[in-house]
N, C-alpha and C. Protein backbone atom coordinates (compact mmCIF):
# COMPACT_ATOMS: atom_id res chain seq x y z
N MET A 1 43.59 88.10 -7.85
CA MET A 1 43.32 89.18 -6.94
C MET A 1 44.13 88.98 -5.67
N THR A 2 44.77 90.04 -5.18
CA THR A 2 45.60 89.92 -3.99
C THR A 2 44.73 89.82 -2.75
N SER A 3 45.28 89.20 -1.73
CA SER A 3 44.53 89.04 -0.49
C SER A 3 44.81 90.16 0.49
N ARG A 4 45.75 91.03 0.17
CA ARG A 4 46.05 92.17 1.03
C ARG A 4 46.54 93.33 0.18
N VAL A 5 46.31 94.53 0.69
CA VAL A 5 46.68 95.73 -0.04
C VAL A 5 47.18 96.77 0.95
N SER A 6 48.20 97.52 0.56
CA SER A 6 48.74 98.56 1.45
C SER A 6 47.89 99.82 1.35
N LEU A 7 48.00 100.64 2.35
CA LEU A 7 47.26 101.91 2.33
C LEU A 7 47.76 102.81 1.21
N THR A 8 49.05 102.75 0.89
CA THR A 8 49.55 103.56 -0.21
C THR A 8 49.05 103.03 -1.56
N GLN A 9 48.84 101.72 -1.67
CA GLN A 9 48.26 101.17 -2.91
C GLN A 9 46.82 101.63 -3.07
N LEU A 10 46.09 101.70 -1.97
CA LEU A 10 44.72 102.22 -2.03
C LEU A 10 44.72 103.66 -2.53
N ALA A 11 45.61 104.46 -1.96
CA ALA A 11 45.68 105.87 -2.36
C ALA A 11 46.06 105.99 -3.83
N ALA A 12 47.01 105.17 -4.29
CA ALA A 12 47.42 105.21 -5.69
C ALA A 12 46.28 104.81 -6.62
N ALA A 13 45.36 103.98 -6.13
CA ALA A 13 44.20 103.55 -6.92
C ALA A 13 43.06 104.56 -6.84
N GLY A 14 43.29 105.66 -6.14
CA GLY A 14 42.26 106.70 -6.05
C GLY A 14 41.25 106.47 -4.94
N ILE A 15 41.51 105.53 -4.06
CA ILE A 15 40.60 105.26 -2.95
C ILE A 15 41.04 106.11 -1.77
N ARG A 16 40.17 107.01 -1.37
CA ARG A 16 40.47 107.92 -0.26
C ARG A 16 39.82 107.39 1.01
N LEU A 17 40.48 107.64 2.09
CA LEU A 17 39.93 107.25 3.39
C LEU A 17 39.12 108.41 3.97
N ARG A 18 37.96 108.08 4.49
CA ARG A 18 37.21 109.05 5.25
C ARG A 18 37.89 109.17 6.61
N PRO A 19 37.75 110.29 7.30
CA PRO A 19 38.43 110.45 8.59
C PRO A 19 38.15 109.31 9.57
N ALA A 20 36.90 108.85 9.66
CA ALA A 20 36.57 107.77 10.59
C ALA A 20 37.33 106.49 10.23
N GLU A 21 37.50 106.23 8.95
CA GLU A 21 38.24 105.04 8.52
C GLU A 21 39.72 105.17 8.89
N ALA A 22 40.29 106.34 8.64
CA ALA A 22 41.70 106.57 8.97
C ALA A 22 41.93 106.45 10.47
N VAL A 23 41.05 107.04 11.27
CA VAL A 23 41.17 106.95 12.73
C VAL A 23 41.08 105.51 13.18
N THR A 24 40.15 104.76 12.63
CA THR A 24 39.96 103.36 13.01
C THR A 24 41.22 102.54 12.72
N LEU A 25 41.80 102.72 11.55
CA LEU A 25 43.00 101.97 11.19
C LEU A 25 44.19 102.35 12.06
N VAL A 26 44.37 103.65 12.29
CA VAL A 26 45.49 104.10 13.14
C VAL A 26 45.28 103.61 14.58
N SER A 27 44.06 103.68 15.05
CA SER A 27 43.77 103.20 16.41
C SER A 27 44.09 101.71 16.54
N GLU A 28 43.79 100.94 15.52
CA GLU A 28 44.10 99.50 15.54
C GLU A 28 45.60 99.28 15.56
N ILE A 29 46.34 100.03 14.78
CA ILE A 29 47.81 99.91 14.79
C ILE A 29 48.34 100.26 16.18
N CYS A 30 47.79 101.31 16.79
CA CYS A 30 48.21 101.70 18.14
C CYS A 30 47.89 100.59 19.14
N ARG A 31 46.74 99.97 19.00
CA ARG A 31 46.37 98.87 19.89
C ARG A 31 47.36 97.72 19.74
N GLN A 32 47.71 97.41 18.50
CA GLN A 32 48.67 96.34 18.25
C GLN A 32 50.04 96.67 18.85
N TYR A 33 50.44 97.92 18.74
CA TYR A 33 51.71 98.35 19.32
C TYR A 33 51.69 98.20 20.84
N SER A 34 50.61 98.66 21.46
CA SER A 34 50.49 98.56 22.92
C SER A 34 50.48 97.10 23.39
N ALA A 35 49.94 96.22 22.55
CA ALA A 35 49.88 94.79 22.88
C ALA A 35 51.18 94.06 22.53
N GLY A 36 52.15 94.77 21.95
CA GLY A 36 53.42 94.15 21.59
C GLY A 36 53.40 93.38 20.29
N LYS A 37 52.37 93.56 19.48
CA LYS A 37 52.27 92.82 18.22
C LYS A 37 53.07 93.46 17.09
N VAL A 38 53.31 94.77 17.19
CA VAL A 38 54.21 95.46 16.26
C VAL A 38 55.23 96.22 17.09
N ARG A 39 56.44 96.37 16.55
CA ARG A 39 57.54 96.96 17.33
C ARG A 39 57.53 98.48 17.34
N GLY A 40 56.81 99.07 16.43
CA GLY A 40 56.74 100.53 16.33
C GLY A 40 55.49 100.90 15.54
N ILE A 41 55.29 102.18 15.38
CA ILE A 41 54.15 102.65 14.57
C ILE A 41 54.63 102.73 13.13
N PRO A 42 54.08 101.90 12.25
CA PRO A 42 54.57 101.85 10.87
C PRO A 42 54.07 103.01 10.02
N SER A 43 54.68 103.15 8.87
CA SER A 43 54.22 104.13 7.88
C SER A 43 53.09 103.51 7.06
N ALA A 44 52.39 104.34 6.31
CA ALA A 44 51.27 103.85 5.50
C ALA A 44 51.72 102.82 4.47
N GLY A 45 52.95 102.90 4.03
CA GLY A 45 53.45 101.98 3.01
C GLY A 45 53.58 100.54 3.45
N VAL A 46 53.69 100.31 4.75
CA VAL A 46 53.84 98.93 5.22
C VAL A 46 52.59 98.41 5.94
N ILE A 47 51.57 99.25 6.04
CA ILE A 47 50.32 98.80 6.64
C ILE A 47 49.48 98.16 5.54
N ARG A 48 49.03 96.94 5.80
CA ARG A 48 48.22 96.21 4.84
C ARG A 48 46.87 95.89 5.48
N ILE A 49 45.85 95.89 4.64
CA ILE A 49 44.55 95.39 5.08
C ILE A 49 44.24 94.16 4.24
N THR A 50 43.61 93.19 4.87
CA THR A 50 43.33 91.93 4.20
C THR A 50 41.85 91.83 3.85
N ARG A 51 41.54 90.90 2.99
CA ARG A 51 40.14 90.64 2.64
C ARG A 51 39.33 90.23 3.86
N ASP A 52 39.99 89.62 4.83
CA ASP A 52 39.31 89.17 6.04
C ASP A 52 39.09 90.30 7.05
N GLY A 53 39.65 91.48 6.76
CA GLY A 53 39.46 92.62 7.65
C GLY A 53 40.57 92.80 8.67
N ASP A 54 41.68 92.11 8.48
CA ASP A 54 42.81 92.28 9.40
C ASP A 54 43.65 93.48 8.97
N VAL A 55 44.27 94.12 9.92
CA VAL A 55 45.19 95.22 9.68
C VAL A 55 46.55 94.74 10.17
N VAL A 56 47.52 94.68 9.26
CA VAL A 56 48.84 94.15 9.59
C VAL A 56 49.93 95.08 9.08
N ALA A 57 51.09 94.99 9.73
CA ALA A 57 52.26 95.74 9.27
C ALA A 57 53.24 94.73 8.69
N GLU A 58 53.63 94.94 7.44
CA GLU A 58 54.56 94.06 6.76
C GLU A 58 55.67 94.90 6.17
N GLY A 59 56.82 94.86 6.79
CA GLY A 59 57.95 95.64 6.32
C GLY A 59 58.64 96.33 7.47
N PRO A 60 59.62 97.17 7.15
CA PRO A 60 60.39 97.83 8.19
C PRO A 60 59.54 98.84 8.97
N VAL A 61 59.77 98.87 10.28
CA VAL A 61 59.03 99.77 11.16
C VAL A 61 60.04 100.52 12.02
N THR A 62 59.92 101.83 12.05
CA THR A 62 60.79 102.65 12.89
C THR A 62 60.43 102.43 14.35
N THR A 63 61.43 102.16 15.16
CA THR A 63 61.16 101.86 16.57
C THR A 63 61.73 102.91 17.52
N ASN A 64 62.49 103.86 17.02
CA ASN A 64 63.17 104.79 17.91
C ASN A 64 62.51 106.17 17.99
N GLN A 65 61.23 106.26 17.70
CA GLN A 65 60.53 107.54 17.78
C GLN A 65 59.39 107.44 18.77
N ASP A 66 58.98 108.60 19.26
CA ASP A 66 57.85 108.68 20.17
C ASP A 66 56.61 108.11 19.50
N ALA A 67 55.99 107.12 20.13
CA ALA A 67 54.86 106.41 19.52
C ALA A 67 53.66 107.33 19.29
N VAL A 68 53.38 108.22 20.23
CA VAL A 68 52.23 109.13 20.06
C VAL A 68 52.46 110.04 18.86
N ARG A 69 53.63 110.62 18.78
CA ARG A 69 53.94 111.52 17.66
C ARG A 69 53.93 110.77 16.34
N ARG A 70 54.45 109.57 16.33
CA ARG A 70 54.48 108.76 15.10
C ARG A 70 53.06 108.39 14.66
N ALA A 71 52.20 108.02 15.63
CA ALA A 71 50.81 107.69 15.31
C ALA A 71 50.07 108.92 14.80
N ALA A 72 50.33 110.06 15.40
CA ALA A 72 49.69 111.30 14.95
C ALA A 72 50.15 111.66 13.54
N HIS A 73 51.42 111.44 13.26
CA HIS A 73 51.92 111.71 11.90
C HIS A 73 51.25 110.78 10.89
N LEU A 74 51.14 109.51 11.24
CA LEU A 74 50.46 108.55 10.35
C LEU A 74 49.02 109.00 10.10
N LEU A 75 48.32 109.36 11.15
CA LEU A 75 46.93 109.80 10.99
C LEU A 75 46.86 111.06 10.14
N ASN A 76 47.78 111.97 10.35
CA ASN A 76 47.81 113.21 9.57
C ASN A 76 48.01 112.93 8.08
N VAL A 77 48.82 111.93 7.77
CA VAL A 77 49.04 111.53 6.38
C VAL A 77 47.77 110.94 5.77
N LEU A 78 47.02 110.19 6.58
CA LEU A 78 45.87 109.46 6.06
C LEU A 78 44.59 110.30 5.94
N VAL A 79 44.44 111.31 6.78
CA VAL A 79 43.20 112.10 6.72
C VAL A 79 43.32 113.19 5.66
N GLY A 80 42.17 113.58 5.14
CA GLY A 80 42.14 114.63 4.14
C GLY A 80 42.46 115.98 4.73
N GLY A 81 43.21 116.78 3.99
CA GLY A 81 43.56 118.13 4.43
C GLY A 81 42.41 119.09 4.22
N PHE A 82 42.70 120.36 4.41
CA PHE A 82 41.68 121.40 4.31
C PHE A 82 41.10 121.53 2.91
N ASP A 83 41.84 121.08 1.90
CA ASP A 83 41.37 121.19 0.52
C ASP A 83 40.60 119.95 0.06
N ALA A 84 40.46 118.96 0.92
CA ALA A 84 39.74 117.73 0.56
C ALA A 84 38.24 118.00 0.52
N PRO A 85 37.49 117.22 -0.28
CA PRO A 85 36.03 117.35 -0.26
C PRO A 85 35.52 117.13 1.17
N PRO A 86 34.39 117.71 1.52
CA PRO A 86 33.90 117.66 2.91
C PRO A 86 33.85 116.26 3.53
N GLU A 87 33.43 115.24 2.77
CA GLU A 87 33.30 113.91 3.36
C GLU A 87 34.66 113.25 3.66
N TYR A 88 35.74 113.80 3.11
CA TYR A 88 37.08 113.27 3.33
C TYR A 88 37.93 114.17 4.21
N ARG A 89 37.41 115.30 4.59
CA ARG A 89 38.15 116.30 5.36
C ARG A 89 38.02 116.02 6.85
N ALA A 90 39.14 116.07 7.54
CA ALA A 90 39.13 115.91 8.99
C ALA A 90 38.46 117.12 9.63
N SER A 91 37.65 116.86 10.63
CA SER A 91 36.97 117.95 11.33
C SER A 91 38.00 118.80 12.09
N GLY A 92 37.58 119.97 12.48
CA GLY A 92 38.45 120.84 13.26
C GLY A 92 38.89 120.19 14.55
N ALA A 93 37.97 119.49 15.21
CA ALA A 93 38.30 118.82 16.47
C ALA A 93 39.37 117.75 16.25
N LEU A 94 39.24 116.98 15.18
CA LEU A 94 40.23 115.95 14.89
C LEU A 94 41.58 116.59 14.54
N GLN A 95 41.56 117.66 13.80
CA GLN A 95 42.81 118.36 13.46
C GLN A 95 43.51 118.87 14.71
N ILE A 96 42.74 119.36 15.69
CA ILE A 96 43.33 119.84 16.94
C ILE A 96 43.98 118.69 17.70
N ILE A 97 43.32 117.54 17.73
CA ILE A 97 43.88 116.37 18.42
C ILE A 97 45.19 115.95 17.75
N ILE A 98 45.20 115.92 16.44
CA ILE A 98 46.42 115.56 15.71
C ILE A 98 47.52 116.57 16.01
N ALA A 99 47.19 117.85 15.95
CA ALA A 99 48.19 118.90 16.21
C ALA A 99 48.73 118.80 17.64
N ARG A 100 47.85 118.52 18.59
CA ARG A 100 48.30 118.36 19.99
C ARG A 100 49.27 117.19 20.09
N ALA A 101 48.95 116.08 19.45
CA ALA A 101 49.82 114.90 19.50
C ALA A 101 51.15 115.14 18.80
N LEU A 102 51.14 115.97 17.77
CA LEU A 102 52.38 116.30 17.07
C LEU A 102 53.21 117.34 17.80
N GLY A 103 52.61 117.97 18.82
CA GLY A 103 53.33 118.99 19.58
C GLY A 103 53.34 120.35 18.92
N THR A 104 52.41 120.59 18.00
CA THR A 104 52.38 121.88 17.30
C THR A 104 51.42 122.88 17.92
N LEU A 105 50.73 122.49 18.98
CA LEU A 105 49.84 123.39 19.71
C LEU A 105 50.36 123.56 21.13
N ASP A 106 50.03 124.69 21.70
CA ASP A 106 50.44 124.96 23.07
C ASP A 106 49.45 124.32 24.03
N LEU A 107 49.38 123.00 23.98
CA LEU A 107 48.53 122.20 24.85
C LEU A 107 49.40 121.09 25.45
N PRO A 108 49.01 120.58 26.59
CA PRO A 108 49.81 119.49 27.16
C PRO A 108 49.82 118.27 26.24
N PRO A 109 50.96 117.61 26.14
CA PRO A 109 51.02 116.43 25.27
C PRO A 109 50.19 115.28 25.86
N PHE A 110 49.87 114.33 25.04
CA PHE A 110 49.20 113.13 25.53
C PHE A 110 50.21 112.35 26.37
N GLU A 111 49.75 111.80 27.47
CA GLU A 111 50.63 111.07 28.39
C GLU A 111 51.20 109.81 27.74
N ASN A 112 50.38 109.14 26.94
CA ASN A 112 50.82 107.89 26.33
C ASN A 112 49.89 107.56 25.15
N LEU A 113 50.19 106.48 24.50
CA LEU A 113 49.43 106.06 23.32
C LEU A 113 47.99 105.68 23.67
N ASP A 114 47.79 105.10 24.84
CA ASP A 114 46.43 104.73 25.25
C ASP A 114 45.55 105.97 25.44
N GLU A 115 46.11 107.03 25.99
CA GLU A 115 45.34 108.27 26.13
C GLU A 115 45.00 108.85 24.75
N PHE A 116 45.94 108.83 23.84
CA PHE A 116 45.71 109.31 22.48
C PHE A 116 44.60 108.49 21.82
N ARG A 117 44.66 107.17 21.94
CA ARG A 117 43.62 106.30 21.37
C ARG A 117 42.26 106.59 21.98
N ALA A 118 42.22 106.83 23.27
CA ALA A 118 40.94 107.10 23.95
C ALA A 118 40.31 108.38 23.40
N VAL A 119 41.11 109.38 23.17
CA VAL A 119 40.59 110.64 22.63
C VAL A 119 40.12 110.45 21.18
N LEU A 120 40.82 109.63 20.45
CA LEU A 120 40.43 109.36 19.05
C LEU A 120 39.16 108.52 18.95
N GLY A 121 38.82 107.82 20.00
CA GLY A 121 37.70 106.87 19.96
C GLY A 121 36.40 107.45 19.44
N ARG A 122 36.12 108.69 19.73
CA ARG A 122 34.85 109.27 19.28
C ARG A 122 34.80 109.51 17.77
N PHE A 123 35.95 109.44 17.12
CA PHE A 123 36.01 109.67 15.68
C PHE A 123 36.08 108.37 14.87
N ALA A 124 36.22 107.24 15.55
CA ALA A 124 36.43 105.96 14.88
C ALA A 124 35.11 105.26 14.56
N THR A 125 35.18 104.31 13.65
CA THR A 125 34.03 103.46 13.38
C THR A 125 33.96 102.40 14.47
N LEU A 126 32.88 101.68 14.52
CA LEU A 126 32.68 100.71 15.59
C LEU A 126 33.47 99.41 15.39
N ASP A 127 33.70 99.02 14.16
CA ASP A 127 34.29 97.71 13.89
C ASP A 127 35.46 97.83 12.91
N VAL A 128 36.67 97.60 13.40
CA VAL A 128 37.85 97.73 12.55
C VAL A 128 37.82 96.70 11.42
N GLY A 129 37.38 95.49 11.69
CA GLY A 129 37.32 94.46 10.65
C GLY A 129 36.39 94.84 9.51
N GLU A 130 35.25 95.33 9.85
CA GLU A 130 34.28 95.75 8.83
C GLU A 130 34.83 96.93 8.03
N THR A 131 35.47 97.86 8.72
CA THR A 131 36.05 99.02 8.04
C THR A 131 37.10 98.56 7.04
N ALA A 132 37.99 97.67 7.47
CA ALA A 132 39.04 97.18 6.59
C ALA A 132 38.47 96.40 5.40
N ARG A 133 37.48 95.55 5.66
CA ARG A 133 36.88 94.78 4.57
C ARG A 133 36.19 95.72 3.56
N ASP A 134 35.53 96.76 4.04
CA ASP A 134 34.84 97.68 3.15
C ASP A 134 35.81 98.42 2.24
N LEU A 135 37.01 98.69 2.73
CA LEU A 135 37.99 99.37 1.89
C LEU A 135 38.46 98.45 0.78
């Protein structure tokens, strides 16, 4: 049994993320980026979760893009769309936040990644380690 699995491997195995789980994982990646632990916001293919509940990026990471937009794109990939079953579907409020961060709404952009994370906070689970271990 492997000690870590990528988010794309989870999806390929039919394991879907609930919106709170997706927000929690993306928020953790954003925290790591702000702390200088990762050089950019990675794609789902290089994000790994470990049995111990750690969230790590292993592989190439794009560094030349706007971090808020990149994080919003990652979150958009991970959350269920409008056709997802209700428990996997992102709420309207979360969809608006994602759209604002992507620049697709006529709303002011987020000033920085910390502001984006703060707004996402109400949608996240309380413990990133527990969320990762449960997946």
